[in-house]
C-alpha atoms as a PDB file:
ATOM      1  CA  UNK A   1     -88.133  -7.419  27.711  1.00  0.00           C
ATOM      2  CA  UNK A   2     -86.033 -10.513  27.674  1.00  0.00           C
ATOM      3  CA  UNK A   3     -83.163 -11.239  25.374  1.00  0.00           C
ATOM      4  CA  UNK A   4     -83.056 -14.276  23.146  1.00  0.00           C
ATOM      5  CA  UNK A   5     -79.807 -15.641  21.799  1.00  0.00           C
ATOM      6  CA  UNK A   6     -79.043 -17.627  18.691  1.00  0.00           C
ATOM      7  CA  UNK A   7     -75.732 -19.100  17.641  1.00  0.00           C
ATOM      8  CA  UNK A   8     -74.804 -19.286  13.985  1.00  0.00           C
ATOM      9  CA  UNK A   9     -72.394 -21.855  12.600  1.00  0.00           C
ATOM     10  CA  UNK A  10     -68.964 -20.421  11.753  1.00  0.00           C
ATOM     11  CA  UNK A  11     -69.563 -20.843   8.019  1.00  0.00           C
ATOM     12  CA  UNK A  12     -72.907 -18.961   8.095  1.00  0.00           C
ATOM     13  CA  UNK A  13     -72.690 -15.176   8.297  1.00  0.00           C
ATOM     14  CA  UNK A  14     -76.157 -14.411   6.925  1.00  0.00           C
ATOM     15  CA  UNK A  15     -79.435 -14.127   8.801  1.00  0.00           C
ATOM     16  CA  UNK A  16     -83.019 -13.031   8.162  1.00  0.00           C
ATOM     17  CA  UNK A  17     -85.298 -12.102  11.043  1.00  0.00           C
ATOM     18  CA  UNK A  18     -89.057 -11.709  10.683  1.00  0.00           C
ATOM     19  CA  UNK A  19     -90.400  -9.226  13.240  1.00  0.00           C
ATOM     20  CA  UNK A  20     -93.813  -8.343  14.557  1.00  0.00           C
ATOM     21  CA  UNK A  21     -95.367  -6.723  17.590  1.00  0.00           C
ATOM     22  CA  UNK A  22     -98.635  -7.515  19.334  1.00  0.00           C
ATOM     23  CA  UNK A  23    -101.117  -4.861  18.320  1.00  0.00           C
ATOM     24  CA  UNK A  24    -104.766  -5.285  17.646  1.00  0.00           C
ATOM     25  CA  UNK A  25    -105.771  -1.742  16.739  1.00  0.00           C
ATOM     26  CA  UNK A  26    -104.480  -0.383  13.431  1.00  0.00           C
ATOM     27  CA  UNK A  27    -101.691  -2.932  12.800  1.00  0.00           C
ATOM     28  CA  UNK A  28    -100.982  -1.324   9.410  1.00  0.00           C
ATOM     29  CA  UNK A  29     -99.935   1.849  11.245  1.00  0.00           C
ATOM     30  CA  UNK A  30     -97.325   0.079  13.339  1.00  0.00           C
ATOM     31  CA  UNK A  31     -93.844   1.170  12.309  1.00  0.00           C
ATOM     32  CA  UNK A  32     -90.917  -0.975  13.413  1.00  0.00           C
ATOM     33  CA  UNK A  33     -87.254  -0.008  13.135  1.00  0.00           C
ATOM     34  CA  UNK A  34     -84.133  -2.025  13.825  1.00  0.00           C
ATOM     35  CA  UNK A  35     -80.383  -1.834  14.037  1.00  0.00           C
ATOM     36  CA  UNK A  36     -77.676  -4.412  14.602  1.00  0.00           C
ATOM     37  CA  UNK A  37     -75.265  -2.993  17.160  1.00  0.00           C
ATOM     38  CA  UNK A  38     -71.791  -2.905  15.633  1.00  0.00           C
ATOM     39  CA  UNK A  39     -73.103  -3.414  12.093  1.00  0.00           C
ATOM     40  CA  UNK A  40     -75.651  -0.635  11.486  1.00  0.00           C
ATOM     41  CA  UNK A  41     -75.347   2.484  13.606  1.00  0.00           C
ATOM     42  CA  UNK A  42     -78.626   4.042  12.488  1.00  0.00           C
ATOM     43  CA  UNK A  43     -82.201   2.884  12.900  1.00  0.00           C
ATOM     44  CA  UNK A  44     -83.575   1.320   9.717  1.00  0.00           C
ATOM     45  CA  UNK A  45     -87.258   0.868   8.849  1.00  0.00           C
ATOM     46  CA  UNK A  46     -88.456  -2.665   8.233  1.00  0.00           C
ATOM     47  CA  UNK A  47     -89.560  -3.475   4.706  1.00  0.00           C
ATOM     48  CA  UNK A  48     -93.217  -4.259   3.964  1.00  0.00           C
ATOM     49  CA  UNK A  49     -92.920  -7.932   4.943  1.00  0.00           C
ATOM     50  CA  UNK A  50     -91.242  -6.947   8.258  1.00  0.00           C
ATOM     51  CA  UNK A  51     -88.021  -8.811   7.553  1.00  0.00           C
ATOM     52  CA  UNK A  52     -84.553  -7.630   8.550  1.00  0.00           C
ATOM     53  CA  UNK A  53     -81.747  -9.225   6.503  1.00  0.00           C
ATOM     54  CA  UNK A  54     -78.046  -9.205   7.271  1.00  0.00           C
ATOM     55  CA  UNK A  55     -75.198 -10.597   5.192  1.00  0.00           C
ATOM     56  CA  UNK A  56     -71.481 -11.003   5.903  1.00  0.00           C
ATOM     57  CA  UNK A  57     -71.915 -10.528   9.646  1.00  0.00           C
ATOM     58  CA  UNK A  58     -68.632 -10.220  11.527  1.00  0.00           C
ATOM     59  CA  UNK A  59     -67.761 -12.953  14.010  1.00  0.00           C
ATOM     60  CA  UNK A  60     -68.504 -12.309  17.661  1.00  0.00           C
ATOM     61  CA  UNK A  61     -71.478 -11.282  19.748  1.00  0.00           C
ATOM     62  CA  UNK A  62     -73.939  -8.938  18.075  1.00  0.00           C
ATOM     63  CA  UNK A  63     -77.150  -7.427  19.392  1.00  0.00           C
ATOM     64  CA  UNK A  64     -80.282  -6.724  17.353  1.00  0.00           C
ATOM     65  CA  UNK A  65     -82.285  -3.761  18.713  1.00  0.00           C
ATOM     66  CA  UNK A  66     -85.918  -3.193  17.721  1.00  0.00           C
ATOM     67  CA  UNK A  67     -88.225  -0.272  18.431  1.00  0.00           C
ATOM     68  CA  UNK A  68     -91.722   0.772  17.441  1.00  0.00           C
ATOM     69  CA  UNK A  69     -92.833   4.255  16.560  1.00  0.00           C
END
């Protein structure tokens, strides 16, 4: 999979990311987890609207990892 990059302005340390995965059979059974390398060290389940929210992010390069179960 490719990596996409975004750059936040210096005065913005908050981000929300809406995630999905292409699945046509039983989409309600798809479980997605995420972690922000350097911010969260454990995998976290997405909430029901599949949104990951982060506040007060540290400056620098961060990587969002996503996996399905």
